[in-house]
Amino acid sequence: GDPAKARQTSREAPTMKELLDRFDREHIAVRLKPKTAAPYRRLIKSHIERKFGSVPVGEVTRTDVAKWHHSMRDTPVEANRALMLLHKVFNMAELWGLREGPNPARGVPKFKETPRERYLSADEMYRLGRAITDLQADEEHPLSPYLALAFRLLLLTGMRRDEVLTLKWEYVDLEDGLIRLPDSKTGRKTIVLSTAAIDLLKYAPHEAESPWVITARRRNGDGGRRHVMNPSKAWERVRHLASTKADDMPMVDVRDVTLHDCRHAFAATGAAAGLSLPAIGALLGHVDQASTQRYAHLSVDARRLAAERIGGEIAGALDGREPAVVRHE
């Protein structure tokens, strides 16, 4: 080898900071949606640039990456997201001719992640619905009818939170029972509405000068209408009231239920009713079927219930006795 040439090449090689800046300009800013770009930039600033910023691109080794990833073991999900992003950065470096050889982030084992699963029972959904209704009737601090609409729409459609908050009336087709989103996390998307969801929207409040389905009370600086930006405080009121003991209803605790859990509730209800996973994934707008796989065990439960009922009928006939009655609590 030529040590002098190697030293010169090392001096001329871009640093990781320069690579990350280019990655931002030519990949993040061009190809990613704002909601995806923001966490990318946060991970770069908080973890990748802080550790590797001054290191030449070609000098980062797999050992360096493994030690860095291990140092974040107390936050395994964050560590795994940062590792996947660094892997992408080095793929782009190779594409741009800034680095040769294997990707140093490839083959570094990720930490095990425990997915959060929170499904709503029928009692919990009833309590949430009643809490929404009661808060709308609160004389001192009534819940905005638009926020009530947003919460019910989340449960009835399985839409993502921001899809509901940024929904415009021009996207809603009540005659055909569809919502046609020109853009979403997965691109263009058509949402099929149930009769309950159609009725909810048909009788929903509608500000004549507002294009938004979920209109905020406050206006923009120019006086124009805007959509609700953050319903977290209102949802916290709903959860708290729904978890308050009531004499005529069983005690439930839904204080841990997030707005995204409403989307899970929609899918889980379909799985428990025996709908196929592809059908549920289509309703939710999943591009990757793996995203729907979390509901597989609920689908199995529905099939087991059906098998028990059928088996009870047949066993009764074979034994010459009354068919077994299978009850599902």
Protein backbone atom coordinates (compact mmCIF):
# COMPACT_ATOMS: atom_id res chain seq x y z
CA GLY A 1 0.00 0.00 0.00
CA ASP A 2 0.85 3.67 -0.19
CA PRO A 3 0.68 5.17 3.32
CA ALA A 4 1.12 8.75 2.04
CA LYS A 5 -1.76 8.35 -0.42
CA ALA A 6 -3.93 6.80 2.29
CA ARG A 7 -3.28 9.75 4.59
CA GLN A 8 -4.11 12.21 1.81
CA THR A 9 -7.33 10.35 0.98
CA SER A 10 -8.30 10.37 4.63
CA ARG A 11 -7.70 14.13 4.87
CA GLU A 12 -9.80 14.79 1.75
CA ALA A 13 -12.65 12.50 2.77
CA PRO A 14 -15.79 14.26 4.02
CA THR A 15 -16.65 14.07 7.68
CA MET A 16 -19.81 12.48 8.93
CA LYS A 17 -21.14 16.00 9.63
CA GLU A 18 -20.75 16.86 5.96
CA LEU A 19 -22.40 13.58 4.93
CA LEU A 20 -25.30 14.18 7.30
CA ASP A 21 -25.82 17.71 5.98
CA ARG A 22 -25.97 16.36 2.43
CA PHE A 23 -28.32 13.58 3.54
CA ASP A 24 -30.62 16.27 4.93
CA ARG A 25 -30.52 18.41 1.77
CA GLU A 26 -30.82 15.65 -0.81
CA HIS A 27 -32.86 12.99 0.95
CA ILE A 28 -34.80 14.23 3.97
CA ALA A 29 -35.85 17.57 2.48
CA VAL A 30 -36.71 16.07 -0.91
CA ARG A 31 -38.23 12.66 -0.21
CA LEU A 32 -39.81 12.73 3.25
CA LYS A 33 -43.03 14.19 4.58
CA PRO A 34 -42.60 16.84 7.31
CA LYS A 35 -43.87 14.53 10.08
CA THR A 36 -41.27 11.92 9.09
CA ALA A 37 -38.50 14.45 8.50
CA ALA A 38 -38.74 15.93 12.00
CA PRO A 39 -37.85 12.72 13.93
CA TYR A 40 -35.10 11.96 11.38
CA ARG A 41 -33.47 15.32 12.07
CA ARG A 42 -33.89 14.90 15.81
CA LEU A 43 -32.16 11.51 15.77
CA ILE A 44 -29.33 12.89 13.67
CA LYS A 45 -28.72 15.85 15.99
CA SER A 46 -29.22 14.00 19.26
CA HIS A 47 -27.34 10.80 18.52
CA ILE A 48 -25.57 10.36 15.19
CA GLU A 49 -23.92 13.76 14.71
CA ARG A 50 -23.03 14.03 18.38
CA LYS A 51 -21.09 10.76 18.24
CA PHE A 52 -19.67 10.64 14.72
CA GLY A 53 -19.81 14.25 13.44
CA SER A 54 -16.06 14.90 13.27
CA VAL A 55 -15.09 11.39 12.07
CA PRO A 56 -14.24 10.90 8.37
CA VAL A 57 -16.94 8.90 6.61
CA GLY A 58 -14.56 6.10 5.65
CA GLU A 59 -13.21 5.59 9.16
CA VAL A 60 -16.42 4.57 10.93
CA THR A 61 -16.26 0.84 11.71
CA ARG A 62 -18.86 -1.72 12.65
CA THR A 63 -17.27 -1.94 16.08
CA ASP A 64 -17.75 1.84 16.51
CA VAL A 65 -21.42 1.53 15.55
CA ALA A 66 -22.00 -1.48 17.82
CA LYS A 67 -20.48 0.32 20.84
CA TRP A 68 -22.53 3.44 20.09
CA HIS A 69 -25.74 1.42 19.76
CA HIS A 70 -24.99 -0.45 22.99
CA SER A 71 -24.48 2.84 24.83
CA MET A 72 -28.19 3.62 24.22
CA ARG A 73 -29.42 0.33 25.72
CA ASP A 74 -31.55 2.15 28.30
CA THR A 75 -33.75 3.46 25.45
CA PRO A 76 -33.91 0.42 23.13
CA VAL A 77 -36.57 1.76 20.76
CA GLU A 78 -34.71 5.04 20.28
CA ALA A 79 -31.45 3.15 19.81
CA ASN A 80 -32.94 0.91 17.13
CA ARG A 81 -34.44 3.86 15.24
CA ALA A 82 -31.09 5.67 15.28
CA LEU A 83 -29.31 2.51 14.06
CA MET A 84 -31.73 2.07 11.15
CA LEU A 85 -31.28 5.71 10.20
CA LEU A 86 -27.48 5.43 10.29
CA HIS A 87 -27.74 2.35 8.06
CA LYS A 88 -29.68 4.45 5.54
CA VAL A 89 -27.13 7.26 5.75
CA PHE A 90 -24.27 4.88 4.89
CA ASN A 91 -26.28 3.40 2.03
CA MET A 92 -26.56 6.88 0.56
CA ALA A 93 -22.84 7.50 1.17
CA GLU A 94 -22.05 4.43 -0.93
CA LEU A 95 -24.47 5.58 -3.62
CA TRP A 96 -22.79 9.00 -3.73
CA GLY A 97 -19.32 7.45 -3.94
CA LEU A 98 -18.23 8.75 -0.53
CA ARG A 99 -17.47 5.38 1.00
CA GLU A 100 -16.47 1.91 -0.17
CA GLY A 101 -16.81 -1.41 1.57
CA PRO A 102 -19.55 -2.88 3.74
CA ASN A 103 -22.07 -0.71 5.54
CA PRO A 104 -20.78 -0.50 9.16
CA ALA A 105 -24.35 -0.42 10.48
CA ARG A 106 -25.21 -3.70 8.75
CA GLY A 107 -25.32 -6.74 11.00
CA VAL A 108 -25.40 -4.83 14.27
CA PRO A 109 -28.11 -6.64 16.29
CA LYS A 110 -31.07 -4.55 17.36
CA PHE A 111 -32.47 -4.55 20.87
CA LYS A 112 -35.64 -6.50 21.48
CA GLU A 113 -38.72 -4.28 21.46
CA THR A 114 -41.94 -5.07 23.27
CA PRO A 115 -44.81 -3.65 21.23
CA ARG A 116 -47.49 -1.84 23.18
CA GLU A 117 -50.87 -3.51 22.79
CA ARG A 118 -53.94 -1.83 24.24
CA TYR A 119 -57.31 -3.00 23.00
CA LEU A 120 -60.62 -1.56 24.15
CA SER A 121 -63.42 -3.73 25.47
CA ALA A 122 -67.06 -2.99 24.69
CA ASP A 123 -67.50 -1.62 28.25
CA GLU A 124 -64.51 0.69 27.83
CA MET A 125 -65.76 2.01 24.51
CA TYR A 126 -69.19 2.60 26.04
CA ARG A 127 -67.67 4.52 28.95
CA LEU A 128 -65.59 6.66 26.59
CA GLY A 129 -68.65 7.39 24.46
CA ARG A 130 -70.73 8.32 27.48
CA ALA A 131 -67.94 10.54 28.82
CA ILE A 132 -67.80 12.40 25.49
CA THR A 133 -71.57 12.96 25.61
CA ASP A 134 -71.53 14.07 29.25
CA LEU A 135 -68.68 16.52 28.67
CA GLN A 136 -70.54 18.07 25.74
CA ALA A 137 -73.38 18.77 28.16
CA ASP A 138 -71.06 20.23 30.83
CA GLU A 139 -72.44 23.69 31.63
CA GLU A 140 -69.18 25.21 32.90
CA HIS A 141 -66.63 23.76 30.46
CA PRO A 142 -68.44 22.04 27.60
CA LEU A 143 -66.43 19.88 25.25
CA SER A 144 -66.25 21.39 21.77
CA PRO A 145 -68.62 19.59 19.39
CA TYR A 146 -65.72 19.41 16.93
CA LEU A 147 -63.51 17.61 19.41
CA ALA A 148 -66.36 15.23 20.22
CA LEU A 149 -66.73 14.62 16.49
CA ALA A 150 -62.99 13.96 16.16
CA PHE A 151 -62.96 11.38 18.98
CA ARG A 152 -66.00 9.53 17.63
CA LEU A 153 -64.64 9.61 14.09
CA LEU A 154 -61.35 8.09 15.27
CA LEU A 155 -63.20 5.16 16.83
CA LEU A 156 -65.64 4.65 13.95
CA THR A 157 -63.16 4.81 11.06
CA GLY A 158 -59.74 3.68 12.32
CA MET A 159 -58.21 6.79 10.75
CA ARG A 160 -54.94 8.19 12.06
CA ARG A 161 -55.15 11.17 14.38
CA ASP A 162 -53.74 13.67 11.90
CA GLU A 163 -55.90 12.29 9.09
CA VAL A 164 -58.96 13.21 11.16
CA LEU A 165 -57.65 16.58 12.34
CA THR A 166 -56.68 17.73 8.83
CA LEU A 167 -59.78 16.30 7.14
CA LYS A 168 -61.51 18.72 4.75
CA TRP A 169 -65.15 18.56 3.74
CA GLU A 170 -64.12 18.38 0.11
CA TYR A 171 -62.61 14.95 0.80
CA VAL A 172 -65.89 13.60 2.22
CA ASP A 173 -68.36 11.89 -0.13
CA LEU A 174 -71.41 10.98 1.93
CA GLU A 175 -73.38 9.83 -1.09
CA ASP A 176 -70.86 7.07 -1.87
CA GLY A 177 -69.87 6.64 1.78
CA LEU A 178 -66.20 7.40 1.19
CA ILE A 179 -63.43 9.71 2.36
CA ARG A 180 -60.84 10.30 -0.34
CA LEU A 181 -57.58 11.59 1.12
CA PRO A 182 -55.28 13.09 -1.54
CA ASP A 183 -52.32 12.38 0.72
CA SER A 184 -51.60 10.41 3.89
CA LYS A 185 -48.72 8.59 5.54
CA THR A 186 -49.00 5.96 2.80
CA GLY A 187 -50.00 8.27 -0.07
CA ARG A 188 -53.46 8.61 -1.64
CA LYS A 189 -56.04 6.77 0.39
CA THR A 190 -59.75 5.95 0.20
CA ILE A 191 -61.58 5.24 3.46
CA VAL A 192 -64.84 3.29 3.37
CA LEU A 193 -67.38 4.63 5.86
CA SER A 194 -69.83 2.57 7.86
CA THR A 195 -73.45 3.68 8.16
CA ALA A 196 -72.69 4.92 11.68
CA ALA A 197 -69.77 7.03 10.42
CA ILE A 198 -71.89 8.42 7.56
CA ASP A 199 -74.63 9.44 10.00
CA LEU A 200 -72.05 11.00 12.31
CA LEU A 201 -70.72 13.19 9.49
CA LYS A 202 -74.16 13.88 8.04
CA TYR A 203 -75.30 15.54 11.27
CA ALA A 204 -71.92 16.99 12.25
CA PRO A 205 -71.50 20.71 12.94
CA HIS A 206 -70.23 22.60 9.92
CA GLU A 207 -68.89 26.14 9.86
CA ALA A 208 -69.91 27.67 6.52
CA GLU A 209 -66.61 29.49 6.03
CA SER A 210 -64.40 26.65 7.27
CA PRO A 211 -63.01 23.97 4.97
CA TRP A 212 -62.14 21.77 7.97
CA VAL A 213 -64.30 19.02 9.42
CA ILE A 214 -62.63 19.48 12.83
CA THR A 215 -62.67 23.28 13.10
CA ALA A 216 -60.82 25.00 15.94
CA ARG A 217 -62.36 27.72 18.05
CA ARG A 218 -59.43 30.05 17.55
CA ARG A 219 -58.76 31.66 14.20
CA ASN A 220 -55.56 32.35 12.30
CA GLY A 221 -53.87 35.72 12.51
CA ASP A 222 -55.66 36.79 9.33
CA GLY A 223 -59.04 35.75 10.71
CA GLY A 224 -59.27 32.55 8.69
CA ARG A 225 -60.49 29.28 10.15
CA ARG A 226 -58.05 26.54 11.10
CA HIS A 227 -58.33 22.93 12.23
CA VAL A 228 -57.74 21.65 15.76
CA MET A 229 -54.02 21.17 16.28
CA ASN A 230 -53.72 19.32 19.60
CA PRO A 231 -56.69 17.56 21.23
CA SER A 232 -54.60 16.00 24.02
CA LYS A 233 -56.04 18.01 26.93
CA ALA A 234 -59.60 17.36 25.82
CA TRP A 235 -58.89 13.64 25.45
CA GLU A 236 -57.41 13.62 28.95
CA ARG A 237 -60.72 15.00 30.28
CA VAL A 238 -62.60 12.25 28.46
CA ARG A 239 -60.33 9.51 29.83
CA HIS A 240 -60.56 10.86 33.37
CA LEU A 241 -64.35 11.06 33.37
CA ALA A 242 -64.68 7.64 31.74
CA SER A 243 -62.52 6.17 34.52
CA THR A 244 -64.58 7.75 37.31
CA LYS A 245 -66.70 5.30 39.28
CA ALA A 246 -70.37 5.23 38.26
CA ASP A 247 -73.11 3.35 40.10
CA ASP A 248 -74.86 2.16 36.95
CA MET A 249 -71.72 0.92 35.14
CA PRO A 250 -68.79 -1.39 35.92
CA MET A 251 -65.56 0.29 36.98
CA VAL A 252 -63.03 0.66 34.17
CA ASP A 253 -59.68 2.39 33.90
CA VAL A 254 -59.01 3.97 30.52
CA ARG A 255 -56.55 6.62 31.66
CA ASP A 256 -53.81 4.91 29.65
CA VAL A 257 -55.77 4.88 26.38
CA THR A 258 -54.17 7.06 23.69
CA LEU A 259 -55.84 8.45 20.60
CA HIS A 260 -53.87 5.97 18.52
CA ASP A 261 -55.45 3.18 20.56
CA CYS A 262 -58.76 4.19 18.97
CA ARG A 263 -57.30 3.04 15.65
CA HIS A 264 -56.28 -0.24 17.30
CA ALA A 265 -59.80 -0.60 18.70
CA PHE A 266 -61.29 -0.32 15.22
CA ALA A 267 -58.96 -3.00 13.85
CA ALA A 268 -59.24 -5.28 16.88
CA THR A 269 -63.04 -5.20 16.71
CA GLY A 270 -62.86 -6.30 13.09
CA ALA A 271 -60.42 -9.10 13.88
CA ALA A 272 -62.51 -10.36 16.78
CA ALA A 273 -65.57 -10.36 14.49
CA GLY A 274 -63.76 -12.72 12.12
CA LEU A 275 -62.69 -10.33 9.36
CA SER A 276 -59.57 -11.42 7.49
CA LEU A 277 -56.30 -9.62 8.14
CA PRO A 278 -56.03 -8.43 4.50
CA ALA A 279 -59.52 -6.90 4.80
CA ILE A 280 -58.55 -5.11 8.03
CA GLY A 281 -55.29 -3.92 6.50
CA ALA A 282 -57.18 -2.52 3.51
CA LEU A 283 -59.55 -0.60 5.78
CA LEU A 284 -56.63 0.86 7.74
CA GLY A 285 -54.60 1.66 4.64
CA HIS A 286 -51.66 -0.58 5.56
CA VAL A 287 -49.16 -0.96 2.75
CA ASP A 288 -47.19 -3.66 4.55
CA GLN A 289 -49.25 -6.63 5.74
CA ALA A 290 -46.84 -7.04 8.63
CA SER A 291 -48.44 -3.94 10.17
CA THR A 292 -51.75 -5.81 10.39
CA GLN A 293 -50.21 -8.97 11.81
CA ARG A 294 -50.49 -7.72 15.40
CA TYR A 295 -54.22 -8.50 15.24
CA ALA A 296 -53.67 -12.10 14.14
CA HIS A 297 -54.29 -13.60 17.59
CA LEU A 298 -57.64 -11.82 17.78
CA SER A 299 -58.59 -13.26 14.42
CA VAL A 300 -57.66 -16.72 15.69
CA ASP A 301 -59.93 -16.21 18.71
CA ALA A 302 -62.84 -15.44 16.40
CA ARG A 303 -62.20 -18.57 14.36
CA ARG A 304 -61.92 -20.65 17.53
CA LEU A 305 -65.32 -19.41 18.70
CA ALA A 306 -66.82 -20.32 15.33
CA ALA A 307 -65.18 -23.76 15.45
CA GLU A 308 -66.55 -24.36 18.96
CA ARG A 309 -70.08 -23.51 17.89
CA ILE A 310 -69.90 -25.73 14.82
CA GLY A 311 -68.26 -28.54 16.79
CA GLY A 312 -70.94 -28.33 19.47
CA GLU A 313 -73.70 -28.69 16.89
CA ILE A 314 -72.07 -31.66 15.16
CA ALA A 315 -71.08 -33.41 18.41
CA GLY A 316 -74.66 -33.17 19.63
CA ALA A 317 -75.97 -34.68 16.41
CA LEU A 318 -73.45 -37.53 16.48
CA ASP A 319 -74.29 -38.40 20.08
CA GLY A 320 -78.03 -38.19 19.54
CA ARG A 321 -78.42 -35.42 22.12
CA GLU A 322 -79.29 -31.77 22.15
CA PRO A 323 -76.61 -29.62 20.46
CA ALA A 324 -74.19 -28.04 22.87
CA VAL A 325 -74.72 -24.35 23.52
CA VAL A 326 -71.49 -22.43 23.49
CA ARG A 327 -71.64 -19.09 25.20
CA HIS A 328 -69.10 -16.33 24.67
CA GLU A 329 -68.68 -13.91 27.50
